[in-house]
Amino acid sequence: MTSTTLNDLLTESCHPLAKGTASLSKPETEELLALISEWTICKDGKSISRNYKFKNYYETMSFVNVAAWIAHQQDHHPDILLTYNHCLITYSTHSVDGLSRNDFICAAKTDDLR
């Protein structure tokens, strides 16, 4: 993999991945994770997540609605856990049973909302 920048992730779009496509290797995952520093690899090793905090319910819902729009636009949908003043967003790529570049593209675009 060539060196990727945060700007690369922000300007790329997600692409459908065929079932059986290999997930990212550990070095590829670590390189991309370094670009989105507040995200972490989940215990399962097959997903990334980030917890966002807000002042109130209105701000939380506004953020979630825009994050949902990004997911719809990219056709790559996260799990979102929502409470009054925070949300937890988790990305993984089911078709590769792990992480793909699509997860990092969407994570970067979601971070760009803040």
PDB file of N, CA and C in Angstrom:
ATOM      1  N   MET A   1       0.849  -1.179   0.000  1.00  0.00           N
ATOM      2  CA  MET A   1       0.000   0.000   0.000  1.00  0.00           C
ATOM      3  C   MET A   1       0.895   1.242   0.000  1.00  0.00           C
ATOM      4  N   THR A   2       0.576   2.178  -0.841  1.00  0.00           N
ATOM      5  CA  THR A   2       1.334   3.422  -0.843  1.00  0.00           C
ATOM      6  C   THR A   2       0.893   4.277   0.325  1.00  0.00           C
ATOM      7  N   SER A   3       1.725   5.226   0.684  1.00  0.00           N
ATOM      8  CA  SER A   3       1.418   6.083   1.819  1.00  0.00           C
ATOM      9  C   SER A   3       0.148   6.888   1.547  1.00  0.00           C
ATOM     10  N   THR A   4      -0.766   6.810   2.473  1.00  0.00           N
ATOM     11  CA  THR A   4      -2.053   7.481   2.368  1.00  0.00           C
ATOM     12  C   THR A   4      -2.079   8.670   3.310  1.00  0.00           C
ATOM     13  N   THR A   5      -2.746   9.739   2.897  1.00  0.00           N
ATOM     14  CA  THR A   5      -2.922  10.907   3.748  1.00  0.00           C
ATOM     15  C   THR A   5      -4.390  11.008   4.164  1.00  0.00           C
ATOM     16  N   LEU A   6      -4.638  11.810   5.173  1.00  0.00           N
ATOM     17  CA  LEU A   6      -6.008  12.063   5.591  1.00  0.00           C
ATOM     18  C   LEU A   6      -6.804  12.670   4.439  1.00  0.00           C
ATOM     19  N   ASN A   7      -6.187  13.563   3.694  1.00  0.00           N
ATOM     20  CA  ASN A   7      -6.869  14.172   2.552  1.00  0.00           C
ATOM     21  C   ASN A   7      -7.278  13.118   1.517  1.00  0.00           C
ATOM     22  N   ASP A   8      -6.443  12.100   1.339  1.00  0.00           N
ATOM     23  CA  ASP A   8      -6.818  11.011   0.422  1.00  0.00           C
ATOM     24  C   ASP A   8      -8.130  10.381   0.866  1.00  0.00           C
ATOM     25  N   LEU A   9      -8.219  10.056   2.158  1.00  0.00           N
ATOM     26  CA  LEU A   9      -9.439   9.427   2.669  1.00  0.00           C
ATOM     27  C   LEU A   9     -10.650  10.336   2.511  1.00  0.00           C
ATOM     28  N   LEU A  10     -10.451  11.627   2.740  1.00  0.00           N
ATOM     29  CA  LEU A  10     -11.567  12.580   2.658  1.00  0.00           C
ATOM     30  C   LEU A  10     -12.074  12.768   1.234  1.00  0.00           C
ATOM     31  N   THR A  11     -11.221  12.577   0.256  1.00  0.00           N
ATOM     32  CA  THR A  11     -11.632  12.799  -1.131  1.00  0.00           C
ATOM     33  C   THR A  11     -12.032  11.514  -1.854  1.00  0.00           C
ATOM     34  N   GLU A  12     -11.748  10.365  -1.266  1.00  0.00           N
ATOM     35  CA  GLU A  12     -12.130   9.089  -1.882  1.00  0.00           C
ATOM     36  C   GLU A  12     -13.588   8.766  -1.586  1.00  0.00           C
ATOM     37  N   SER A  13     -14.106   7.837  -2.364  1.00  0.00           N
ATOM     38  CA  SER A  13     -15.450   7.301  -2.134  1.00  0.00           C
ATOM     39  C   SER A  13     -15.342   5.808  -1.904  1.00  0.00           C
ATOM     40  N   CYS A  14     -16.296   5.278  -1.197  1.00  0.00           N
ATOM     41  CA  CYS A  14     -16.331   3.845  -0.939  1.00  0.00           C
ATOM     42  C   CYS A  14     -16.677   3.086  -2.217  1.00  0.00           C
ATOM     43  N   HIS A  15     -16.182   1.860  -2.294  1.00  0.00           N
ATOM     44  CA  HIS A  15     -16.461   0.987  -3.433  1.00  0.00           C
ATOM     45  C   HIS A  15     -16.986  -0.348  -2.920  1.00  0.00           C
ATOM     46  N   PRO A  16     -17.942  -0.921  -3.639  1.00  0.00           N
ATOM     47  CA  PRO A  16     -18.441  -2.240  -3.231  1.00  0.00           C
ATOM     48  C   PRO A  16     -17.303  -3.260  -3.273  1.00  0.00           C
ATOM     49  N   LEU A  17     -17.296  -4.159  -2.299  1.00  0.00           N
ATOM     50  CA  LEU A  17     -16.283  -5.206  -2.237  1.00  0.00           C
ATOM     51  C   LEU A  17     -16.969  -6.561  -2.308  1.00  0.00           C
ATOM     52  N   ALA A  18     -16.477  -7.396  -3.179  1.00  0.00           N
ATOM     53  CA  ALA A  18     -17.058  -8.726  -3.352  1.00  0.00           C
ATOM     54  C   ALA A  18     -16.793  -9.588  -2.129  1.00  0.00           C
ATOM     55  N   LYS A  19     -17.748 -10.438  -1.815  1.00  0.00           N
ATOM     56  CA  LYS A  19     -17.553 -11.398  -0.725  1.00  0.00           C
ATOM     57  C   LYS A  19     -16.316 -12.220  -1.052  1.00  0.00           C
ATOM     58  N   GLY A  20     -15.476 -12.397  -0.066  1.00  0.00           N
ATOM     59  CA  GLY A  20     -14.240 -13.136  -0.287  1.00  0.00           C
ATOM     60  C   GLY A  20     -13.031 -12.250  -0.525  1.00  0.00           C
ATOM     61  N   THR A  21     -13.267 -10.940  -0.714  1.00  0.00           N
ATOM     62  CA  THR A  21     -12.157 -10.000  -0.821  1.00  0.00           C
ATOM     63  C   THR A  21     -11.436  -9.983   0.522  1.00  0.00           C
ATOM     64  N   ALA A  22     -10.125  -9.915   0.482  1.00  0.00           N
ATOM     65  CA  ALA A  22      -9.347  -9.925   1.722  1.00  0.00           C
ATOM     66  C   ALA A  22      -9.554  -8.636   2.503  1.00  0.00           C
ATOM     67  N   SER A  23      -9.614  -8.768   3.812  1.00  0.00           N
ATOM     68  CA  SER A  23      -9.660  -7.582   4.673  1.00  0.00           C
ATOM     69  C   SER A  23      -8.254  -6.984   4.730  1.00  0.00           C
ATOM     70  N   LEU A  24      -8.159  -5.791   5.306  1.00  0.00           N
ATOM     71  CA  LEU A  24      -6.861  -5.128   5.416  1.00  0.00           C
ATOM     72  C   LEU A  24      -5.924  -5.918   6.315  1.00  0.00           C
ATOM     73  N   SER A  25      -4.653  -5.864   5.986  1.00  0.00           N
ATOM     74  CA  SER A  25      -3.640  -6.487   6.838  1.00  0.00           C
ATOM     75  C   SER A  25      -3.420  -5.614   8.070  1.00  0.00           C
ATOM     76  N   LYS A  26      -2.752  -6.152   9.056  1.00  0.00           N
ATOM     77  CA  LYS A  26      -2.470  -5.385  10.267  1.00  0.00           C
ATOM     78  C   LYS A  26      -1.652  -4.127   9.958  1.00  0.00           C
ATOM     79  N   PRO A  27      -0.568  -4.205   9.133  1.00  0.00           N
ATOM     80  CA  PRO A  27       0.175  -2.977   8.803  1.00  0.00           C
ATOM     81  C   PRO A  27      -0.677  -1.939   8.062  1.00  0.00           C
ATOM     82  N   GLU A  28      -1.543  -2.391   7.158  1.00  0.00           N
ATOM     83  CA  GLU A  28      -2.428  -1.462   6.445  1.00  0.00           C
ATOM     84  C   GLU A  28      -3.394  -0.801   7.426  1.00  0.00           C
ATOM     85  N   THR A  29      -3.954  -1.598   8.322  1.00  0.00           N
ATOM     86  CA  THR A  29      -4.878  -1.074   9.327  1.00  0.00           C
ATOM     87  C   THR A  29      -4.188  -0.048  10.210  1.00  0.00           C
ATOM     88  N   GLU A  30      -2.994  -0.342  10.672  1.00  0.00           N
ATOM     89  CA  GLU A  30      -2.269   0.581  11.554  1.00  0.00           C
ATOM     90  C   GLU A  30      -1.919   1.881  10.847  1.00  0.00           C
ATOM     91  N   GLU A  31      -1.556   1.807   9.561  1.00  0.00           N
ATOM     92  CA  GLU A  31      -1.251   3.027   8.803  1.00  0.00           C
ATOM     93  C   GLU A  31      -2.478   3.926   8.698  1.00  0.00           C
ATOM     94  N   LEU A  32      -3.617   3.337   8.380  1.00  0.00           N
ATOM     95  CA  LEU A  32      -4.844   4.124   8.234  1.00  0.00           C
ATOM     96  C   LEU A  32      -5.367   4.604   9.581  1.00  0.00           C
ATOM     97  N   LEU A  33      -5.252   3.777  10.604  1.00  0.00           N
ATOM     98  CA  LEU A  33      -5.706   4.167  11.939  1.00  0.00           C
ATOM     99  C   LEU A  33      -4.936   5.384  12.456  1.00  0.00           C
ATOM    100  N   ALA A  34      -3.677   5.496  12.090  1.00  0.00           N
ATOM    101  CA  ALA A  34      -2.865   6.643  12.522  1.00  0.00           C
ATOM    102  C   ALA A  34      -3.414   7.962  11.965  1.00  0.00           C
ATOM    103  N   LEU A  35      -4.162   7.903  10.876  1.00  0.00           N
ATOM    104  CA  LEU A  35      -4.726   9.111  10.261  1.00  0.00           C
ATOM    105  C   LEU A  35      -6.000   9.573  10.955  1.00  0.00           C
ATOM    106  N   ILE A  36      -6.640   8.673  11.670  1.00  0.00           N
ATOM    107  CA  ILE A  36      -7.896   8.992  12.371  1.00  0.00           C
ATOM    108  C   ILE A  36      -7.690   8.647  13.846  1.00  0.00           C
ATOM    109  N   SER A  37      -6.882   9.424  14.489  1.00  0.00           N
ATOM    110  CA  SER A  37      -6.306   9.086  15.789  1.00  0.00           C
ATOM    111  C   SER A  37      -7.298   8.819  16.917  1.00  0.00           C
ATOM    112  N   GLU A  38      -8.496   9.317  16.855  1.00  0.00           N
ATOM    113  CA  GLU A  38      -9.429   9.095  17.963  1.00  0.00           C
ATOM    114  C   GLU A  38     -10.268   7.833  17.793  1.00  0.00           C
ATOM    115  N   TRP A  39     -10.045   7.127  16.719  1.00  0.00           N
ATOM    116  CA  TRP A  39     -10.722   5.857  16.489  1.00  0.00           C
ATOM    117  C   TRP A  39      -9.864   4.735  17.060  1.00  0.00           C
ATOM    118  N   THR A  40     -10.514   3.666  17.475  1.00  0.00           N
ATOM    119  CA  THR A  40      -9.796   2.521  18.008  1.00  0.00           C
ATOM    120  C   THR A  40     -10.276   1.243  17.330  1.00  0.00           C
ATOM    121  N   ILE A  41      -9.395   0.269  17.328  1.00  0.00           N
ATOM    122  CA  ILE A  41      -9.784  -1.049  16.838  1.00  0.00           C
ATOM    123  C   ILE A  41     -10.549  -1.738  17.964  1.00  0.00           C
ATOM    124  N   CYS A  42     -11.681  -2.296  17.636  1.00  0.00           N
ATOM    125  CA  CYS A  42     -12.516  -2.978  18.632  1.00  0.00           C
ATOM    126  C   CYS A  42     -11.889  -4.313  19.023  1.00  0.00           C
ATOM    127  N   LYS A  43     -12.358  -4.852  20.131  1.00  0.00           N
ATOM    128  CA  LYS A  43     -11.823  -6.111  20.644  1.00  0.00           C
ATOM    129  C   LYS A  43     -11.868  -7.234  19.619  1.00  0.00           C
ATOM    130  N   ASP A  44     -12.873  -7.210  18.750  1.00  0.00           N
ATOM    131  CA  ASP A  44     -12.990  -8.274  17.757  1.00  0.00           C
ATOM    132  C   ASP A  44     -11.909  -8.187  16.675  1.00  0.00           C
ATOM    133  N   GLY A  45     -11.218  -7.030  16.594  1.00  0.00           N
ATOM    134  CA  GLY A  45     -10.184  -6.830  15.583  1.00  0.00           C
ATOM    135  C   GLY A  45     -10.722  -6.657  14.180  1.00  0.00           C
ATOM    136  N   LYS A  46     -12.052  -6.637  14.060  1.00  0.00           N
ATOM    137  CA  LYS A  46     -12.685  -6.570  12.739  1.00  0.00           C
ATOM    138  C   LYS A  46     -13.473  -5.289  12.521  1.00  0.00           C
ATOM    139  N   SER A  47     -13.348  -4.357  13.462  1.00  0.00           N
ATOM    140  CA  SER A  47     -14.098  -3.113  13.355  1.00  0.00           C
ATOM    141  C   SER A  47     -13.347  -1.998  14.065  1.00  0.00           C
ATOM    142  N   ILE A  48     -13.733  -0.764  13.732  1.00  0.00           N
ATOM    143  CA  ILE A  48     -13.186   0.420  14.390  1.00  0.00           C
ATOM    144  C   ILE A  48     -14.347   1.215  14.967  1.00  0.00           C
ATOM    145  N   SER A  49     -14.082   1.925  16.061  1.00  0.00           N
ATOM    146  CA  SER A  49     -15.154   2.720  16.655  1.00  0.00           C
ATOM    147  C   SER A  49     -14.607   3.999  17.257  1.00  0.00           C
ATOM    148  N   ARG A  50     -15.529   4.928  17.439  1.00  0.00           N
ATOM    149  CA  ARG A  50     -15.213   6.194  18.102  1.00  0.00           C
ATOM    150  C   ARG A  50     -16.456   6.663  18.842  1.00  0.00           C
ATOM    151  N   ASN A  51     -16.229   7.206  20.028  1.00  0.00           N
ATOM    152  CA  ASN A  51     -17.289   7.774  20.843  1.00  0.00           C
ATOM    153  C   ASN A  51     -17.238   9.296  20.685  1.00  0.00           C
ATOM    154  N   TYR A  52     -18.338   9.884  20.275  1.00  0.00           N
ATOM    155  CA  TYR A  52     -18.450  11.336  20.134  1.00  0.00           C
ATOM    156  C   TYR A  52     -19.317  11.864  21.266  1.00  0.00           C
ATOM    157  N   LYS A  53     -18.905  12.970  21.880  1.00  0.00           N
ATOM    158  CA  LYS A  53     -19.678  13.578  22.970  1.00  0.00           C
ATOM    159  C   LYS A  53     -20.192  14.950  22.535  1.00  0.00           C
ATOM    160  N   PHE A  54     -21.369  15.305  23.051  1.00  0.00           N
ATOM    161  CA  PHE A  54     -22.032  16.559  22.691  1.00  0.00           C
ATOM    162  C   PHE A  54     -22.603  17.240  23.923  1.00  0.00           C
ATOM    163  N   LYS A  55     -23.031  18.483  23.751  1.00  0.00           N
ATOM    164  CA  LYS A  55     -23.599  19.258  24.863  1.00  0.00           C
ATOM    165  C   LYS A  55     -25.010  18.808  25.216  1.00  0.00           C
ATOM    166  N   ASN A  56     -25.761  18.374  24.204  1.00  0.00           N
ATOM    167  CA  ASN A  56     -27.168  18.075  24.449  1.00  0.00           C
ATOM    168  C   ASN A  56     -27.715  17.136  23.371  1.00  0.00           C
ATOM    169  N   TYR A  57     -28.958  16.766  23.537  1.00  0.00           N
ATOM    170  CA  TYR A  57     -29.616  15.837  22.622  1.00  0.00           C
ATOM    171  C   TYR A  57     -29.711  16.404  21.201  1.00  0.00           C
ATOM    172  N   TYR A  58     -30.041  17.675  21.085  1.00  0.00           N
ATOM    173  CA  TYR A  58     -30.174  18.291  19.767  1.00  0.00           C
ATOM    174  C   TYR A  58     -28.870  18.180  18.978  1.00  0.00           C
ATOM    175  N   GLU A  59     -27.733  18.510  19.607  1.00  0.00           N
ATOM    176  CA  GLU A  59     -26.441  18.413  18.923  1.00  0.00           C
ATOM    177  C   GLU A  59     -26.124  16.969  18.553  1.00  0.00           C
ATOM    178  N   THR A  60     -26.441  16.053  19.440  1.00  0.00           N
ATOM    179  CA  THR A  60     -26.199  14.634  19.171  1.00  0.00           C
ATOM    180  C   THR A  60     -27.001  14.188  17.952  1.00  0.00           C
ATOM    181  N   MET A  61     -28.281  14.516  17.934  1.00  0.00           N
ATOM    182  CA  MET A  61     -29.142  14.110  16.823  1.00  0.00           C
ATOM    183  C   MET A  61     -28.731  14.769  15.514  1.00  0.00           C
ATOM    184  N   SER A  62     -28.319  16.023  15.569  1.00  0.00           N
ATOM    185  CA  SER A  62     -27.865  16.703  14.353  1.00  0.00           C
ATOM    186  C   SER A  62     -26.658  15.992  13.767  1.00  0.00           C
ATOM    187  N   PHE A  63     -25.705  15.639  14.628  1.00  0.00           N
ATOM    188  CA  PHE A  63     -24.512  14.926  14.188  1.00  0.00           C
ATOM    189  C   PHE A  63     -24.880  13.563  13.598  1.00  0.00           C
ATOM    190  N   VAL A  64     -25.737  12.822  14.292  1.00  0.00           N
ATOM    191  CA  VAL A  64     -26.116  11.494  13.829  1.00  0.00           C
ATOM    192  C   VAL A  64     -26.821  11.572  12.476  1.00  0.00           C
ATOM    193  N   ASN A  65     -27.658  12.571  12.283  1.00  0.00           N
ATOM    194  CA  ASN A  65     -28.344  12.713  10.998  1.00  0.00           C
ATOM    195  C   ASN A  65     -27.375  12.968   9.853  1.00  0.00           C
ATOM    196  N   VAL A  66     -26.366  13.792  10.085  1.00  0.00           N
ATOM    197  CA  VAL A  66     -25.380  14.049   9.036  1.00  0.00           C
ATOM    198  C   VAL A  66     -24.492  12.817   8.829  1.00  0.00           C
ATOM    199  N   ALA A  67     -24.134  12.133   9.904  1.00  0.00           N
ATOM    200  CA  ALA A  67     -23.353  10.895   9.773  1.00  0.00           C
ATOM    201  C   ALA A  67     -24.145   9.855   8.972  1.00  0.00           C
ATOM    202  N   ALA A  68     -25.446   9.793   9.198  1.00  0.00           N
ATOM    203  CA  ALA A  68     -26.301   8.872   8.445  1.00  0.00           C
ATOM    204  C   ALA A  68     -26.348   9.261   6.970  1.00  0.00           C
ATOM    205  N   TRP A  69     -26.363  10.537   6.684  1.00  0.00           N
ATOM    206  CA  TRP A  69     -26.347  10.996   5.291  1.00  0.00           C
ATOM    207  C   TRP A  69     -25.046  10.571   4.606  1.00  0.00           C
ATOM    208  N   ILE A  70     -23.915  10.709   5.308  1.00  0.00           N
ATOM    209  CA  ILE A  70     -22.626  10.272   4.750  1.00  0.00           C
ATOM    210  C   ILE A  70     -22.673   8.764   4.471  1.00  0.00           C
ATOM    211  N   ALA A  71     -23.187   8.005   5.430  1.00  0.00           N
ATOM    212  CA  ALA A  71     -23.283   6.555   5.256  1.00  0.00           C
ATOM    213  C   ALA A  71     -24.142   6.207   4.046  1.00  0.00           C
ATOM    214  N   HIS A  72     -25.251   6.892   3.892  1.00  0.00           N
ATOM    215  CA  HIS A  72     -26.124   6.648   2.747  1.00  0.00           C
ATOM    216  C   HIS A  72     -25.415   7.016   1.441  1.00  0.00           C
ATOM    217  N   GLN A  73     -24.765   8.165   1.429  1.00  0.00           N
ATOM    218  CA  GLN A  73     -24.056   8.633   0.231  1.00  0.00           C
ATOM    219  C   GLN A  73     -22.951   7.649  -0.169  1.00  0.00           C
ATOM    220  N   GLN A  74     -22.240   7.112   0.818  1.00  0.00           N
ATOM    221  CA  GLN A  74     -21.124   6.198   0.556  1.00  0.00           C
ATOM    222  C   GLN A  74     -21.577   4.739   0.430  1.00  0.00           C
ATOM    223  N   ASP A  75     -22.843   4.470   0.744  1.00  0.00           N
ATOM    224  CA  ASP A  75     -23.390   3.114   0.762  1.00  0.00           C
ATOM    225  C   ASP A  75     -22.537   2.193   1.642  1.00  0.00           C
ATOM    226  N   HIS A  76     -22.168   2.742   2.810  1.00  0.00           N
ATOM    227  CA  HIS A  76     -21.374   1.985   3.791  1.00  0.00           C
ATOM    228  C   HIS A  76     -21.879   2.413   5.166  1.00  0.00           C
ATOM    229  N   HIS A  77     -22.598   1.530   5.813  1.00  0.00           N
ATOM    230  CA  HIS A  77     -23.395   1.910   6.980  1.00  0.00           C
ATOM    231  C   HIS A  77     -22.807   1.393   8.292  1.00  0.00           C
ATOM    232  N   PRO A  78     -22.621   2.288   9.253  1.00  0.00           N
ATOM    233  CA  PRO A  78     -22.070   1.899  10.551  1.00  0.00           C
ATOM    234  C   PRO A  78     -23.162   1.443  11.515  1.00  0.00           C
ATOM    235  N   ASP A  79     -22.718   0.860  12.606  1.00  0.00           N
ATOM    236  CA  ASP A  79     -23.593   0.681  13.760  1.00  0.00           C
ATOM    237  C   ASP A  79     -23.476   1.965  14.566  1.00  0.00           C
ATOM    238  N   ILE A  80     -24.605   2.503  14.999  1.00  0.00           N
ATOM    239  CA  ILE A  80     -24.608   3.735  15.783  1.00  0.00           C
ATOM    240  C   ILE A  80     -25.390   3.489  17.071  1.00  0.00           C
ATOM    241  N   LEU A  81     -24.736   3.717  18.190  1.00  0.00           N
ATOM    242  CA  LEU A  81     -25.375   3.647  19.494  1.00  0.00           C
ATOM    243  C   LEU A  81     -25.540   5.078  19.975  1.00  0.00           C
ATOM    244  N   LEU A  82     -26.756   5.472  20.270  1.00  0.00           N
ATOM    245  CA  LEU A  82     -27.084   6.866  20.548  1.00  0.00           C
ATOM    246  C   LEU A  82     -27.686   7.017  21.939  1.00  0.00           C
ATOM    247  N   THR A  83     -27.192   7.994  22.699  1.00  0.00           N
ATOM    248  CA  THR A  83     -27.814   8.378  23.960  1.00  0.00           C
ATOM    249  C   THR A  83     -27.968   9.897  23.958  1.00  0.00           C
ATOM    250  N   TYR A  84     -28.376  10.446  25.078  1.00  0.00           N
ATOM    251  CA  TYR A  84     -28.684  11.874  25.173  1.00  0.00           C
ATOM    252  C   TYR A  84     -27.563  12.773  24.641  1.00  0.00           C
ATOM    253  N   ASN A  85     -26.339  12.541  25.068  1.00  0.00           N
ATOM    254  CA  ASN A  85     -25.278  13.476  24.667  1.00  0.00           C
ATOM    255  C   ASN A  85     -24.029  12.778  24.128  1.00  0.00           C
ATOM    256  N   HIS A  86     -24.195  11.588  23.620  1.00  0.00           N
ATOM    257  CA  HIS A  86     -23.065  10.957  22.947  1.00  0.00           C
ATOM    258  C   HIS A  86     -23.560   9.903  21.965  1.00  0.00           C
ATOM    259  N   CYS A  87     -22.684   9.558  21.030  1.00  0.00           N
ATOM    260  CA  CYS A  87     -22.967   8.440  20.148  1.00  0.00           C
ATOM    261  C   CYS A  87     -21.670   7.686  19.890  1.00  0.00           C
ATOM    262  N   LEU A  88     -21.817   6.396  19.751  1.00  0.00           N
ATOM    263  CA  LEU A  88     -20.716   5.509  19.439  1.00  0.00           C
ATOM    264  C   LEU A  88     -20.937   5.015  18.023  1.00  0.00           C
ATOM    265  N   ILE A  89     -19.961   5.261  17.163  1.00  0.00           N
ATOM    266  CA  ILE A  89     -20.054   4.825  15.770  1.00  0.00           C
ATOM    267  C   ILE A  89     -19.028   3.722  15.561  1.00  0.00           C
ATOM    268  N   THR A  90     -19.483   2.634  14.954  1.00  0.00           N
ATOM    269  CA  THR A  90     -18.619   1.495  14.684  1.00  0.00           C
ATOM    270  C   THR A  90     -18.732   1.109  13.216  1.00  0.00           C
ATOM    271  N   TYR A  91     -17.593   1.029  12.561  1.00  0.00           N
ATOM    272  CA  TYR A  91     -17.530   0.616  11.156  1.00  0.00           C
ATOM    273  C   TYR A  91     -16.830  -0.722  11.025  1.00  0.00           C
ATOM    274  N   SER A  92     -17.340  -1.556  10.136  1.00  0.00           N
ATOM    275  CA  SER A  92     -16.675  -2.768   9.692  1.00  0.00           C
ATOM    276  C   SER A  92     -17.246  -3.090   8.307  1.00  0.00           C
ATOM    277  N   THR A  93     -16.584  -3.991   7.628  1.00  0.00           N
ATOM    278  CA  THR A  93     -17.049  -4.370   6.288  1.00  0.00           C
ATOM    279  C   THR A  93     -17.442  -5.839   6.332  1.00  0.00           C
ATOM    280  N   HIS A  94     -18.730  -6.089   6.330  1.00  0.00           N
ATOM    281  CA  HIS A  94     -19.236  -7.447   6.480  1.00  0.00           C
ATOM    282  C   HIS A  94     -18.803  -8.358   5.334  1.00  0.00           C
ATOM    283  N   SER A  95     -18.731  -7.827   4.124  1.00  0.00           N
ATOM    284  CA  SER A  95     -18.389  -8.673   2.978  1.00  0.00           C
ATOM    285  C   SER A  95     -16.959  -9.197   3.032  1.00  0.00           C
ATOM    286  N   VAL A  96     -16.075  -8.530   3.784  1.00  0.00           N
ATOM    287  CA  VAL A  96     -14.695  -9.017   3.921  1.00  0.00           C
ATOM    288  C   VAL A  96     -14.439  -9.587   5.311  1.00  0.00           C
ATOM    289  N   ASP A  97     -15.475  -9.602   6.140  1.00  0.00           N
ATOM    290  CA  ASP A  97     -15.382 -10.103   7.507  1.00  0.00           C
ATOM    291  C   ASP A  97     -14.239  -9.438   8.269  1.00  0.00           C
ATOM    292  N   GLY A  98     -14.188  -8.121   8.156  1.00  0.00           N
ATOM    293  CA  GLY A  98     -13.140  -7.370   8.837  1.00  0.00           C
ATOM    294  C   GLY A  98     -13.129  -5.925   8.391  1.00  0.00           C
ATOM    295  N   LEU A  99     -11.942  -5.350   8.360  1.00  0.00           N
ATOM    296  CA  LEU A  99     -11.794  -3.945   7.996  1.00  0.00           C
ATOM    297  C   LEU A  99     -11.380  -3.790   6.540  1.00  0.00           C
ATOM    298  N   SER A 100     -11.928  -2.770   5.909  1.00  0.00           N
ATOM    299  CA  SER A 100     -11.547  -2.401   4.545  1.00  0.00           C
ATOM    300  C   SER A 100     -11.256  -0.903   4.520  1.00  0.00           C
ATOM    301  N   ARG A 101     -10.732  -0.456   3.429  1.00  0.00           N
ATOM    302  CA  ARG A 101     -10.463   0.966   3.256  1.00  0.00           C
ATOM    303  C   ARG A 101     -11.749   1.777   3.409  1.00  0.00           C
ATOM    304  N   ASN A 102     -12.883   1.201   3.014  1.00  0.00           N
ATOM    305  CA  ASN A 102     -14.175   1.887   3.128  1.00  0.00           C
ATOM    306  C   ASN A 102     -14.450   2.343   4.559  1.00  0.00           C
ATOM    307  N   ASP A 103     -14.069   1.520   5.535  1.00  0.00           N
ATOM    308  CA  ASP A 103     -14.293   1.880   6.938  1.00  0.00           C
ATOM    309  C   ASP A 103     -13.532   3.147   7.299  1.00  0.00           C
ATOM    310  N   PHE A 104     -12.314   3.254   6.822  1.00  0.00           N
ATOM    311  CA  PHE A 104     -11.477   4.404   7.143  1.00  0.00           C
ATOM    312  C   PHE A 104     -11.895   5.650   6.363  1.00  0.00           C
ATOM    313  N   ILE A 105     -12.380   5.464   5.149  1.00  0.00           N
ATOM    314  CA  ILE A 105     -12.915   6.590   4.369  1.00  0.00           C
ATOM    315  C   ILE A 105     -14.099   7.201   5.115  1.00  0.00           C
ATOM    316  N   CYS A 106     -15.024   6.357   5.554  1.00  0.00           N
ATOM    317  CA  CYS A 106     -16.206   6.860   6.251  1.00  0.00           C
ATOM    318  C   CYS A 106     -15.863   7.438   7.620  1.00  0.00           C
ATOM    319  N   ALA A 107     -14.922   6.828   8.313  1.00  0.00           N
ATOM    320  CA  ALA A 107     -14.501   7.363   9.613  1.00  0.00           C
ATOM    321  C   ALA A 107     -13.909   8.763   9.442  1.00  0.00           C
ATOM    322  N   ALA A 108     -13.074   8.949   8.438  1.00  0.00           N
ATOM    323  CA  ALA A 108     -12.477  10.261   8.181  1.00  0.00           C
ATOM    324  C   ALA A 108     -13.541  11.287   7.823  1.00  0.00           C
ATOM    325  N   LYS A 109     -14.496  10.900   6.987  1.00  0.00           N
ATOM    326  CA  LYS A 109     -15.563  11.819   6.605  1.00  0.00           C
ATOM    327  C   LYS A 109     -16.440  12.177   7.802  1.00  0.00           C
ATOM    328  N   THR A 110     -16.676  11.221   8.690  1.00  0.00           N
ATOM    329  CA  THR A 110     -17.460  11.481   9.895  1.00  0.00           C
ATOM    330  C   THR A 110     -16.704  12.441  10.819  1.00  0.00           C
ATOM    331  N   ASP A 111     -15.405  12.198  10.999  1.00  0.00           N
ATOM    332  CA  ASP A 111     -14.597  13.118  11.822  1.00  0.00           C
ATOM    333  C   ASP A 111     -14.596  14.522  11.249  1.00  0.00           C
ATOM    334  N   ASP A 112     -14.656  14.625   9.947  1.00  0.00           N
ATOM    335  CA  ASP A 112     -14.604  15.939   9.295  1.00  0.00           C
ATOM    336  C   ASP A 112     -15.834  16.786   9.617  1.00  0.00           C
ATOM    337  N   LEU A 113     -16.882  16.167  10.145  1.00  0.00           N
ATOM    338  CA  LEU A 113     -18.089  16.908  10.547  1.00  0.00           C
ATOM    339  C   LEU A 113     -17.815  17.774  11.778  1.00  0.00           C
ATOM    340  N   ARG A 114     -16.879  17.358  12.611  1.00  0.00           N
ATOM    341  CA  ARG A 114     -16.590  18.037  13.881  1.00  0.00           C
ATOM    342  C   ARG A 114     -15.758  19.227  13.593  1.00  0.00           C
TER     343      ARG A 114
END
